[in-house]
Amino acid sequence: TTLNNGIATITVSEEPNGLVDSWGNTSYYSSSKITTKGNFSFRYGKVEARIKTIDGEGFWPAFWMLPTGGDWPCDGEIDIMEHAGNRLNKIQGTVHHPDKHGSGDGGETNDYTNVSTAFNTYSVVWNEKAITFLVNDKPFHIVGNACALPFNWDFFLILNIAMGGTFGGSVPDSFVSDIMEVDYVRVYQ
């Protein structure tokens, strides 16, 4: 992750020789994750980020939240923006909880054809009754926050790029490097 002229840039790159993690697993891609875990968390309000994401097979950029001190999926996950690279220009917003930890309770929009060429604002408005997902202040999905759902904890923020998998799709042989740019992240309470 780099910061230049007020823009945070997350770079994902091919690692032809592989990188070995502390568990002995080899990965052939490197990236980074920006997180507020241990520094900032909140419950209820509006959170938004202005992001220029990546379009293309194999990419899985995301702006999401996990509970502070909680366990997944019992204490929930809020995916403010996920962009499956193999679904060009489709933006998804999803909540995961014990009843829906795999597929989640999500909605998607493909109203935006410029997610990788221009900045768009991705946000949720989160209160005791509902979680509303928006792109450029236009709602596209609402999840009721019934008492059975675990979204009454403090959550921290995460921005990252994952690669491949069933969501992002296969990474093309021609891939070398790409970026996701973040102009700002804001929380209103």
N, C-alpha and C. Protein backbone atom coordinates (compact mmCIF):
# COMPACT_ATOMS: atom_id res chain seq x y z
N THR A 1 0.85 -1.18 0.00
CA THR A 1 0.00 0.00 0.00
C THR A 1 0.89 1.23 0.00
N THR A 2 0.57 2.17 -0.87
CA THR A 2 1.30 3.43 -0.90
C THR A 2 0.31 4.57 -0.78
N LEU A 3 0.81 5.72 -0.36
CA LEU A 3 0.00 6.93 -0.25
C LEU A 3 0.70 8.02 -1.02
N ASN A 4 0.01 8.60 -2.02
CA ASN A 4 0.60 9.64 -2.84
C ASN A 4 -0.49 10.63 -3.24
N ASN A 5 -0.27 11.91 -2.96
CA ASN A 5 -1.24 12.96 -3.28
C ASN A 5 -2.63 12.66 -2.72
N GLY A 6 -2.69 12.10 -1.52
CA GLY A 6 -3.95 11.83 -0.85
C GLY A 6 -4.68 10.59 -1.31
N ILE A 7 -4.09 9.79 -2.21
CA ILE A 7 -4.71 8.57 -2.70
C ILE A 7 -3.93 7.37 -2.17
N ALA A 8 -4.64 6.47 -1.48
CA ALA A 8 -4.03 5.21 -1.04
C ALA A 8 -4.17 4.21 -2.19
N THR A 9 -3.08 3.58 -2.55
CA THR A 9 -3.07 2.62 -3.65
C THR A 9 -2.68 1.25 -3.13
N ILE A 10 -3.57 0.27 -3.32
CA ILE A 10 -3.27 -1.12 -3.00
C ILE A 10 -2.86 -1.79 -4.30
N THR A 11 -1.65 -2.33 -4.33
CA THR A 11 -1.14 -2.99 -5.52
C THR A 11 -1.16 -4.50 -5.32
N VAL A 12 -1.64 -5.20 -6.32
CA VAL A 12 -1.59 -6.66 -6.33
C VAL A 12 -0.65 -7.06 -7.46
N SER A 13 0.28 -7.98 -7.17
CA SER A 13 1.31 -8.36 -8.15
C SER A 13 1.49 -9.86 -8.20
N GLU A 14 1.92 -10.32 -9.36
CA GLU A 14 2.31 -11.72 -9.50
C GLU A 14 3.64 -11.92 -8.81
N GLU A 15 3.81 -13.06 -8.17
CA GLU A 15 5.07 -13.45 -7.53
C GLU A 15 5.50 -14.77 -8.16
N PRO A 16 6.22 -14.72 -9.30
CA PRO A 16 6.54 -15.94 -10.06
C PRO A 16 7.27 -17.01 -9.25
N ASN A 17 8.09 -16.58 -8.28
CA ASN A 17 8.83 -17.55 -7.46
C ASN A 17 8.06 -18.00 -6.23
N GLY A 18 6.92 -17.38 -5.99
CA GLY A 18 6.10 -17.74 -4.84
C GLY A 18 6.58 -17.10 -3.56
N LEU A 19 5.67 -16.89 -2.66
CA LEU A 19 5.95 -16.40 -1.31
C LEU A 19 5.39 -17.41 -0.33
N VAL A 20 6.19 -17.78 0.67
CA VAL A 20 5.77 -18.79 1.64
C VAL A 20 5.34 -18.08 2.93
N ASP A 21 4.12 -18.37 3.39
CA ASP A 21 3.63 -17.75 4.61
C ASP A 21 4.11 -18.52 5.84
N SER A 22 3.72 -18.05 7.01
CA SER A 22 4.20 -18.65 8.26
C SER A 22 3.65 -20.06 8.50
N TRP A 23 2.67 -20.49 7.71
CA TRP A 23 2.12 -21.85 7.83
C TRP A 23 2.69 -22.78 6.76
N GLY A 24 3.62 -22.26 5.94
CA GLY A 24 4.24 -23.09 4.91
C GLY A 24 3.49 -23.12 3.59
N ASN A 25 2.44 -22.30 3.45
CA ASN A 25 1.67 -22.25 2.21
C ASN A 25 2.34 -21.30 1.22
N THR A 26 2.37 -21.66 -0.05
CA THR A 26 2.96 -20.82 -1.08
C THR A 26 1.88 -20.07 -1.83
N SER A 27 2.09 -18.77 -2.02
CA SER A 27 1.18 -17.94 -2.79
C SER A 27 1.96 -17.32 -3.95
N TYR A 28 1.29 -17.18 -5.08
CA TYR A 28 1.94 -16.61 -6.25
C TYR A 28 1.45 -15.20 -6.56
N TYR A 29 0.82 -14.57 -5.56
CA TYR A 29 0.38 -13.18 -5.67
C TYR A 29 0.64 -12.48 -4.36
N SER A 30 0.96 -11.20 -4.43
CA SER A 30 1.11 -10.39 -3.23
C SER A 30 0.17 -9.20 -3.32
N SER A 31 -0.27 -8.76 -2.17
CA SER A 31 -1.14 -7.60 -2.08
C SER A 31 -1.02 -7.07 -0.66
N SER A 32 -1.94 -6.21 -0.27
CA SER A 32 -1.94 -5.71 1.10
C SER A 32 -3.38 -5.52 1.54
N LYS A 33 -3.51 -5.27 2.82
CA LYS A 33 -4.82 -5.05 3.42
C LYS A 33 -4.71 -3.84 4.33
N ILE A 34 -5.67 -2.93 4.21
CA ILE A 34 -5.76 -1.79 5.11
C ILE A 34 -6.87 -2.13 6.10
N THR A 35 -6.57 -2.04 7.39
CA THR A 35 -7.57 -2.38 8.40
C THR A 35 -7.49 -1.39 9.56
N THR A 36 -8.63 -1.17 10.20
CA THR A 36 -8.67 -0.31 11.39
C THR A 36 -8.72 -1.15 12.67
N LYS A 37 -8.55 -2.47 12.55
CA LYS A 37 -8.61 -3.35 13.72
C LYS A 37 -7.61 -2.88 14.78
N GLY A 38 -8.11 -2.72 15.99
CA GLY A 38 -7.26 -2.27 17.10
C GLY A 38 -7.07 -0.76 17.16
N ASN A 39 -7.52 -0.03 16.11
CA ASN A 39 -7.37 1.43 16.08
C ASN A 39 -8.70 2.17 16.05
N PHE A 40 -9.69 1.60 15.34
CA PHE A 40 -10.97 2.28 15.21
C PHE A 40 -12.06 1.26 14.93
N SER A 41 -13.15 1.37 15.67
CA SER A 41 -14.33 0.56 15.40
C SER A 41 -15.55 1.40 15.78
N PHE A 42 -16.71 1.00 15.30
CA PHE A 42 -17.92 1.76 15.56
C PHE A 42 -19.13 0.86 15.42
N ARG A 43 -20.25 1.33 15.93
CA ARG A 43 -21.53 0.65 15.78
C ARG A 43 -22.57 1.67 15.34
N TYR A 44 -23.19 1.42 14.22
CA TYR A 44 -24.25 2.22 13.64
C TYR A 44 -23.74 3.56 13.09
N GLY A 45 -24.29 3.93 11.98
CA GLY A 45 -23.93 5.17 11.31
C GLY A 45 -23.83 4.92 9.82
N LYS A 46 -23.14 5.82 9.15
CA LYS A 46 -22.88 5.68 7.71
C LYS A 46 -21.38 5.58 7.52
N VAL A 47 -20.96 4.62 6.74
CA VAL A 47 -19.55 4.49 6.39
C VAL A 47 -19.47 4.47 4.88
N GLU A 48 -18.50 5.21 4.34
CA GLU A 48 -18.35 5.26 2.89
C GLU A 48 -16.88 5.38 2.52
N ALA A 49 -16.58 4.92 1.32
CA ALA A 49 -15.24 5.08 0.76
C ALA A 49 -15.39 5.41 -0.72
N ARG A 50 -14.54 6.28 -1.18
CA ARG A 50 -14.50 6.63 -2.61
C ARG A 50 -13.35 5.84 -3.22
N ILE A 51 -13.70 4.91 -4.12
CA ILE A 51 -12.74 3.91 -4.61
C ILE A 51 -12.81 3.81 -6.13
N LYS A 52 -11.64 3.64 -6.73
CA LYS A 52 -11.53 3.21 -8.13
C LYS A 52 -11.02 1.78 -8.05
N THR A 53 -11.85 0.83 -8.41
CA THR A 53 -11.54 -0.58 -8.21
C THR A 53 -10.93 -1.20 -9.47
N ILE A 54 -10.92 -2.50 -9.56
CA ILE A 54 -10.32 -3.24 -10.65
C ILE A 54 -11.40 -4.06 -11.36
N ASP A 55 -11.40 -4.03 -12.67
CA ASP A 55 -12.27 -4.88 -13.47
C ASP A 55 -11.40 -5.93 -14.13
N GLY A 56 -11.79 -7.17 -14.08
CA GLY A 56 -11.04 -8.19 -14.81
C GLY A 56 -11.06 -9.52 -14.10
N GLU A 57 -11.00 -10.55 -14.89
CA GLU A 57 -10.99 -11.94 -14.40
C GLU A 57 -9.89 -12.12 -13.37
N GLY A 58 -10.24 -12.72 -12.24
CA GLY A 58 -9.27 -13.05 -11.21
C GLY A 58 -9.21 -12.11 -10.04
N PHE A 59 -9.72 -10.88 -10.19
CA PHE A 59 -9.64 -9.90 -9.11
C PHE A 59 -10.85 -9.99 -8.19
N TRP A 60 -10.61 -9.69 -6.90
CA TRP A 60 -11.67 -9.68 -5.89
C TRP A 60 -11.40 -8.54 -4.91
N PRO A 61 -11.55 -7.27 -5.34
CA PRO A 61 -11.37 -6.16 -4.42
C PRO A 61 -12.59 -6.01 -3.51
N ALA A 62 -12.34 -5.52 -2.29
CA ALA A 62 -13.44 -5.42 -1.33
C ALA A 62 -13.21 -4.30 -0.32
N PHE A 63 -14.33 -3.79 0.18
CA PHE A 63 -14.40 -2.83 1.28
C PHE A 63 -15.43 -3.43 2.23
N TRP A 64 -14.98 -3.84 3.44
CA TRP A 64 -15.86 -4.63 4.29
C TRP A 64 -15.57 -4.41 5.76
N MET A 65 -16.37 -5.07 6.64
CA MET A 65 -16.25 -4.88 8.08
C MET A 65 -16.40 -6.21 8.81
N LEU A 66 -15.65 -6.34 9.89
CA LEU A 66 -15.77 -7.48 10.80
C LEU A 66 -15.94 -6.97 12.22
N PRO A 67 -16.55 -7.79 13.10
CA PRO A 67 -16.77 -7.34 14.48
C PRO A 67 -15.48 -7.35 15.29
N THR A 68 -15.36 -6.35 16.14
CA THR A 68 -14.22 -6.28 17.05
C THR A 68 -14.42 -7.33 18.14
N GLY A 69 -13.47 -8.20 18.30
CA GLY A 69 -13.54 -9.22 19.33
C GLY A 69 -14.52 -10.34 19.05
N GLY A 70 -15.08 -10.40 17.86
CA GLY A 70 -16.06 -11.42 17.55
C GLY A 70 -15.47 -12.57 16.77
N ASP A 71 -16.30 -13.56 16.52
CA ASP A 71 -15.91 -14.74 15.74
C ASP A 71 -16.76 -14.79 14.48
N TRP A 72 -16.13 -15.23 13.38
CA TRP A 72 -16.85 -15.36 12.12
C TRP A 72 -17.34 -16.78 11.99
N PRO A 73 -18.56 -17.04 11.56
CA PRO A 73 -19.58 -16.09 11.13
C PRO A 73 -20.56 -15.69 12.23
N CYS A 74 -20.36 -16.24 13.44
CA CYS A 74 -21.36 -16.04 14.50
C CYS A 74 -21.66 -14.58 14.79
N ASP A 75 -20.66 -13.73 14.69
CA ASP A 75 -20.86 -12.33 15.03
C ASP A 75 -20.96 -11.42 13.81
N GLY A 76 -21.06 -12.01 12.62
CA GLY A 76 -21.38 -11.26 11.42
C GLY A 76 -20.20 -10.75 10.62
N GLU A 77 -20.52 -10.32 9.42
CA GLU A 77 -19.60 -9.67 8.48
C GLU A 77 -20.46 -8.79 7.59
N ILE A 78 -20.01 -7.58 7.33
CA ILE A 78 -20.72 -6.67 6.44
C ILE A 78 -19.78 -6.33 5.28
N ASP A 79 -20.13 -6.79 4.08
CA ASP A 79 -19.35 -6.50 2.88
C ASP A 79 -19.97 -5.29 2.20
N ILE A 80 -19.39 -4.14 2.40
CA ILE A 80 -19.91 -2.89 1.86
C ILE A 80 -19.83 -2.89 0.34
N MET A 81 -18.68 -3.35 -0.18
CA MET A 81 -18.48 -3.44 -1.62
C MET A 81 -17.58 -4.63 -1.91
N GLU A 82 -18.07 -5.54 -2.73
CA GLU A 82 -17.24 -6.59 -3.29
C GLU A 82 -17.44 -6.53 -4.80
N HIS A 83 -16.34 -6.69 -5.49
CA HIS A 83 -16.41 -6.62 -6.95
C HIS A 83 -15.75 -7.89 -7.50
N ALA A 84 -16.56 -8.80 -7.95
CA ALA A 84 -16.02 -10.03 -8.54
C ALA A 84 -15.50 -9.71 -9.93
N GLY A 85 -14.21 -9.89 -10.12
CA GLY A 85 -13.60 -9.53 -11.39
C GLY A 85 -14.18 -10.25 -12.58
N ASN A 86 -14.71 -11.44 -12.35
CA ASN A 86 -15.28 -12.18 -13.47
C ASN A 86 -16.74 -11.78 -13.74
N ARG A 87 -17.22 -10.78 -13.03
CA ARG A 87 -18.57 -10.22 -13.26
C ARG A 87 -18.40 -8.73 -13.49
N LEU A 88 -17.96 -8.35 -14.66
CA LEU A 88 -17.56 -6.98 -14.94
C LEU A 88 -18.60 -5.97 -14.51
N ASN A 89 -18.13 -4.96 -13.78
CA ASN A 89 -18.93 -3.82 -13.33
C ASN A 89 -20.07 -4.18 -12.38
N LYS A 90 -20.14 -5.40 -11.85
CA LYS A 90 -21.15 -5.74 -10.86
C LYS A 90 -20.59 -5.50 -9.47
N ILE A 91 -21.32 -4.73 -8.69
CA ILE A 91 -20.95 -4.43 -7.32
C ILE A 91 -21.92 -5.16 -6.41
N GLN A 92 -21.38 -5.84 -5.40
CA GLN A 92 -22.21 -6.58 -4.46
C GLN A 92 -22.07 -6.02 -3.06
N GLY A 93 -23.15 -6.06 -2.30
CA GLY A 93 -23.17 -5.75 -0.89
C GLY A 93 -23.82 -6.92 -0.17
N THR A 94 -23.16 -7.42 0.88
CA THR A 94 -23.62 -8.67 1.50
C THR A 94 -23.40 -8.63 3.00
N VAL A 95 -24.30 -9.27 3.74
CA VAL A 95 -24.05 -9.56 5.16
C VAL A 95 -23.94 -11.07 5.32
N HIS A 96 -23.03 -11.48 6.15
CA HIS A 96 -22.86 -12.89 6.49
C HIS A 96 -23.15 -13.04 7.98
N HIS A 97 -23.84 -14.11 8.32
CA HIS A 97 -24.19 -14.40 9.71
C HIS A 97 -24.39 -15.91 9.83
N PRO A 98 -24.63 -16.45 11.02
CA PRO A 98 -24.69 -17.90 11.18
C PRO A 98 -25.64 -18.62 10.23
N ASP A 99 -26.77 -18.00 9.88
CA ASP A 99 -27.71 -18.66 8.98
C ASP A 99 -27.30 -18.54 7.52
N LYS A 100 -26.45 -17.58 7.18
CA LYS A 100 -26.07 -17.34 5.79
C LYS A 100 -24.58 -16.98 5.73
N HIS A 101 -23.71 -17.85 6.21
CA HIS A 101 -22.29 -17.52 6.22
C HIS A 101 -21.58 -17.84 4.91
N GLY A 102 -22.11 -18.73 4.11
CA GLY A 102 -21.48 -19.05 2.84
C GLY A 102 -21.88 -18.06 1.77
N SER A 103 -23.14 -18.12 1.35
CA SER A 103 -23.60 -17.22 0.29
C SER A 103 -23.94 -15.84 0.81
N GLY A 104 -24.31 -15.75 2.06
CA GLY A 104 -24.69 -14.47 2.64
C GLY A 104 -26.03 -13.98 2.15
N ASP A 105 -26.46 -12.86 2.69
CA ASP A 105 -27.69 -12.20 2.28
C ASP A 105 -27.26 -10.97 1.51
N GLY A 106 -27.21 -11.09 0.19
CA GLY A 106 -26.62 -10.03 -0.60
C GLY A 106 -27.47 -9.56 -1.75
N GLY A 107 -27.10 -8.41 -2.24
CA GLY A 107 -27.70 -7.84 -3.43
C GLY A 107 -26.60 -7.30 -4.31
N GLU A 108 -26.93 -7.02 -5.55
CA GLU A 108 -25.91 -6.50 -6.45
C GLU A 108 -26.51 -5.50 -7.41
N THR A 109 -25.63 -4.67 -7.96
CA THR A 109 -26.02 -3.70 -8.97
C THR A 109 -25.00 -3.71 -10.08
N ASN A 110 -25.46 -3.53 -11.29
CA ASN A 110 -24.54 -3.34 -12.41
C ASN A 110 -24.90 -2.05 -13.14
N ASP A 111 -25.39 -1.07 -12.37
CA ASP A 111 -25.75 0.23 -12.92
C ASP A 111 -24.54 1.10 -13.26
N TYR A 112 -23.34 0.64 -12.91
CA TYR A 112 -22.15 1.47 -13.07
C TYR A 112 -21.17 0.77 -14.00
N THR A 113 -20.80 1.42 -15.09
CA THR A 113 -19.90 0.80 -16.07
C THR A 113 -18.49 1.36 -15.98
N ASN A 114 -18.21 2.13 -14.93
CA ASN A 114 -16.91 2.79 -14.83
C ASN A 114 -16.18 2.47 -13.53
N VAL A 115 -16.44 1.34 -12.93
CA VAL A 115 -15.87 1.07 -11.60
C VAL A 115 -14.34 1.00 -11.60
N SER A 116 -13.72 0.69 -12.74
CA SER A 116 -12.27 0.62 -12.79
C SER A 116 -11.64 1.84 -13.46
N THR A 117 -12.46 2.74 -13.99
CA THR A 117 -11.91 3.91 -14.69
C THR A 117 -12.22 5.22 -13.99
N ALA A 118 -13.11 5.20 -12.99
CA ALA A 118 -13.48 6.42 -12.26
C ALA A 118 -13.74 6.06 -10.79
N PHE A 119 -13.64 7.05 -9.94
CA PHE A 119 -13.96 6.84 -8.53
C PHE A 119 -15.48 6.80 -8.34
N ASN A 120 -15.95 5.84 -7.55
CA ASN A 120 -17.35 5.75 -7.13
C ASN A 120 -17.36 5.66 -5.61
N THR A 121 -18.47 6.07 -5.01
CA THR A 121 -18.60 6.04 -3.56
C THR A 121 -19.45 4.84 -3.15
N TYR A 122 -18.87 3.98 -2.31
CA TYR A 122 -19.53 2.76 -1.82
C TYR A 122 -19.81 2.97 -0.34
N SER A 123 -21.05 2.70 0.08
CA SER A 123 -21.39 2.98 1.47
C SER A 123 -22.48 2.06 2.00
N VAL A 124 -22.58 2.04 3.33
CA VAL A 124 -23.72 1.44 4.01
C VAL A 124 -24.23 2.44 5.04
N VAL A 125 -25.54 2.44 5.21
CA VAL A 125 -26.17 3.13 6.32
C VAL A 125 -26.68 2.02 7.22
N TRP A 126 -26.17 2.02 8.45
CA TRP A 126 -26.37 0.90 9.37
C TRP A 126 -27.00 1.44 10.66
N ASN A 127 -28.19 0.93 10.98
CA ASN A 127 -28.83 1.30 12.25
C ASN A 127 -29.45 0.05 12.87
N GLU A 128 -30.21 0.25 13.95
CA GLU A 128 -30.79 -0.88 14.67
C GLU A 128 -31.78 -1.67 13.84
N LYS A 129 -32.35 -1.07 12.80
CA LYS A 129 -33.42 -1.71 12.03
C LYS A 129 -32.96 -2.30 10.71
N ALA A 130 -31.90 -1.75 10.09
CA ALA A 130 -31.53 -2.21 8.75
C ALA A 130 -30.10 -1.82 8.40
N ILE A 131 -29.59 -2.49 7.39
CA ILE A 131 -28.32 -2.15 6.77
C ILE A 131 -28.64 -1.90 5.29
N THR A 132 -28.41 -0.66 4.84
CA THR A 132 -28.72 -0.27 3.46
C THR A 132 -27.41 -0.07 2.71
N PHE A 133 -27.29 -0.74 1.57
CA PHE A 133 -26.09 -0.68 0.73
C PHE A 133 -26.33 0.32 -0.41
N LEU A 134 -25.31 1.17 -0.68
CA LEU A 134 -25.46 2.21 -1.69
C LEU A 134 -24.21 2.32 -2.56
N VAL A 135 -24.40 2.74 -3.80
CA VAL A 135 -23.32 3.18 -4.67
C VAL A 135 -23.68 4.58 -5.12
N ASN A 136 -22.76 5.52 -4.91
CA ASN A 136 -22.99 6.93 -5.24
C ASN A 136 -24.31 7.44 -4.66
N ASP A 137 -24.56 7.04 -3.41
CA ASP A 137 -25.75 7.43 -2.64
C ASP A 137 -27.06 6.87 -3.19
N LYS A 138 -26.99 5.90 -4.09
CA LYS A 138 -28.19 5.25 -4.63
C LYS A 138 -28.32 3.86 -4.02
N PRO A 139 -29.36 3.61 -3.20
CA PRO A 139 -29.52 2.29 -2.56
C PRO A 139 -29.75 1.18 -3.59
N PHE A 140 -29.12 0.02 -3.33
CA PHE A 140 -29.37 -1.13 -4.21
C PHE A 140 -29.70 -2.40 -3.44
N HIS A 141 -29.57 -2.40 -2.10
CA HIS A 141 -29.91 -3.58 -1.32
C HIS A 141 -30.13 -3.17 0.13
N ILE A 142 -31.14 -3.78 0.77
CA ILE A 142 -31.44 -3.52 2.18
C ILE A 142 -31.62 -4.86 2.89
N VAL A 143 -30.97 -4.99 4.05
CA VAL A 143 -31.11 -6.18 4.90
C VAL A 143 -31.67 -5.72 6.23
N GLY A 144 -32.83 -6.29 6.62
CA GLY A 144 -33.40 -5.98 7.92
C GLY A 144 -32.51 -6.48 9.03
N ASN A 145 -32.32 -5.69 10.05
CA ASN A 145 -31.44 -6.04 11.17
C ASN A 145 -32.28 -6.58 12.32
N ALA A 146 -32.97 -7.69 12.07
CA ALA A 146 -33.80 -8.30 13.10
C ALA A 146 -32.93 -8.74 14.27
N CYS A 147 -33.56 -8.90 15.41
CA CYS A 147 -32.78 -9.24 16.62
C CYS A 147 -32.06 -10.58 16.49
N ALA A 148 -32.46 -11.42 15.54
CA ALA A 148 -31.78 -12.70 15.34
C ALA A 148 -30.43 -12.53 14.65
N LEU A 149 -30.21 -11.39 13.99
CA LEU A 149 -28.94 -11.16 13.30
C LEU A 149 -27.94 -10.51 14.25
N PRO A 150 -26.66 -10.81 14.09
CA PRO A 150 -25.66 -10.38 15.07
C PRO A 150 -25.01 -9.03 14.77
N PHE A 151 -25.74 -8.06 14.25
CA PHE A 151 -25.11 -6.82 13.85
C PHE A 151 -25.28 -5.70 14.87
N ASN A 152 -25.08 -6.04 16.13
CA ASN A 152 -25.16 -5.04 17.19
C ASN A 152 -23.83 -4.93 17.94
N TRP A 153 -22.75 -5.28 17.28
CA TRP A 153 -21.40 -5.18 17.83
C TRP A 153 -20.69 -3.97 17.21
N ASP A 154 -19.56 -3.59 17.80
CA ASP A 154 -18.67 -2.66 17.13
C ASP A 154 -17.94 -3.40 16.03
N PHE A 155 -17.78 -2.76 14.87
CA PHE A 155 -17.09 -3.35 13.73
C PHE A 155 -15.90 -2.49 13.33
N PHE A 156 -14.87 -3.13 12.76
CA PHE A 156 -13.73 -2.40 12.20
C PHE A 156 -13.75 -2.54 10.68
N LEU A 157 -13.00 -1.70 10.00
CA LEU A 157 -13.03 -1.61 8.54
C LEU A 157 -11.84 -2.33 7.89
N ILE A 158 -12.06 -2.82 6.66
CA ILE A 158 -11.01 -3.50 5.90
C ILE A 158 -11.15 -3.11 4.42
N LEU A 159 -10.02 -2.84 3.78
CA LEU A 159 -9.94 -2.66 2.33
C LEU A 159 -8.86 -3.60 1.83
N ASN A 160 -9.16 -4.39 0.79
CA ASN A 160 -8.15 -5.32 0.29
C ASN A 160 -8.47 -5.78 -1.12
N ILE A 161 -7.50 -6.47 -1.72
CA ILE A 161 -7.68 -7.15 -3.00
C ILE A 161 -7.28 -8.60 -2.80
N ALA A 162 -8.22 -9.51 -3.03
CA ALA A 162 -7.91 -10.94 -3.06
C ALA A 162 -7.80 -11.34 -4.53
N MET A 163 -7.25 -12.52 -4.76
CA MET A 163 -7.07 -12.99 -6.13
C MET A 163 -7.65 -14.38 -6.29
N GLY A 164 -8.32 -14.60 -7.42
CA GLY A 164 -8.80 -15.93 -7.80
C GLY A 164 -9.97 -16.41 -6.98
N GLY A 165 -10.10 -17.73 -6.91
CA GLY A 165 -11.18 -18.34 -6.17
C GLY A 165 -12.46 -18.41 -6.96
N THR A 166 -13.48 -18.96 -6.34
CA THR A 166 -14.77 -19.11 -7.03
C THR A 166 -15.47 -17.77 -7.22
N PHE A 167 -15.13 -16.76 -6.44
CA PHE A 167 -15.78 -15.46 -6.57
C PHE A 167 -15.09 -14.60 -7.63
N GLY A 168 -13.78 -14.51 -7.58
CA GLY A 168 -13.05 -13.66 -8.51
C GLY A 168 -12.78 -14.30 -9.86
N GLY A 169 -12.74 -15.62 -9.89
CA GLY A 169 -12.45 -16.32 -11.13
C GLY A 169 -10.96 -16.61 -11.29
N SER A 170 -10.62 -17.35 -12.30
CA SER A 170 -9.22 -17.72 -12.55
C SER A 170 -8.42 -16.51 -13.00
N VAL A 171 -7.22 -16.42 -12.49
CA VAL A 171 -6.32 -15.33 -12.85
C VAL A 171 -5.71 -15.64 -14.21
N PRO A 172 -5.76 -14.68 -15.16
CA PRO A 172 -5.19 -14.94 -16.49
C PRO A 172 -3.68 -15.12 -16.45
N ASP A 173 -3.15 -15.93 -17.34
CA ASP A 173 -1.70 -16.15 -17.42
C ASP A 173 -0.95 -14.86 -17.70
N SER A 174 -1.60 -13.90 -18.34
CA SER A 174 -0.96 -12.64 -18.72
C SER A 174 -0.85 -11.64 -17.56
N PHE A 175 -1.45 -11.94 -16.40
CA PHE A 175 -1.46 -10.98 -15.29
C PHE A 175 -0.06 -10.73 -14.74
N VAL A 176 0.24 -9.46 -14.49
CA VAL A 176 1.50 -9.07 -13.85
C VAL A 176 1.22 -8.23 -12.61
N SER A 177 0.41 -7.17 -12.74
CA SER A 177 0.16 -6.26 -11.63
C SER A 177 -1.05 -5.39 -11.93
N ASP A 178 -1.74 -4.94 -10.88
CA ASP A 178 -2.83 -3.97 -11.04
C ASP A 178 -3.04 -3.28 -9.70
N ILE A 179 -3.91 -2.26 -9.69
CA ILE A 179 -4.10 -1.47 -8.48
C ILE A 179 -5.58 -1.19 -8.22
N MET A 180 -5.87 -0.90 -6.93
CA MET A 180 -7.13 -0.33 -6.49
C MET A 180 -6.77 0.96 -5.76
N GLU A 181 -7.48 2.06 -6.09
CA GLU A 181 -7.18 3.35 -5.48
C GLU A 181 -8.31 3.77 -4.54
N VAL A 182 -7.92 4.33 -3.39
CA VAL A 182 -8.88 4.77 -2.38
C VAL A 182 -8.64 6.25 -2.11
N ASP A 183 -9.64 7.07 -2.43
CA ASP A 183 -9.54 8.51 -2.21
C ASP A 183 -9.76 8.86 -0.74
N TYR A 184 -10.80 8.26 -0.14
CA TYR A 184 -11.07 8.51 1.28
C TYR A 184 -11.96 7.42 1.84
N VAL A 185 -11.96 7.33 3.19
CA VAL A 185 -12.90 6.52 3.95
C VAL A 185 -13.46 7.44 5.04
N ARG A 186 -14.78 7.45 5.18
CA ARG A 186 -15.42 8.33 6.17
C ARG A 186 -16.48 7.57 6.94
N VAL A 187 -16.60 7.88 8.22
CA VAL A 187 -17.65 7.31 9.07
C VAL A 187 -18.41 8.46 9.71
N TYR A 188 -19.73 8.40 9.59
CA TYR A 188 -20.61 9.42 10.18
C TYR A 188 -21.48 8.75 11.23
N GLN A 189 -21.58 9.37 12.40
CA GLN A 189 -22.46 8.84 13.45
C GLN A 189 -23.31 9.96 14.00
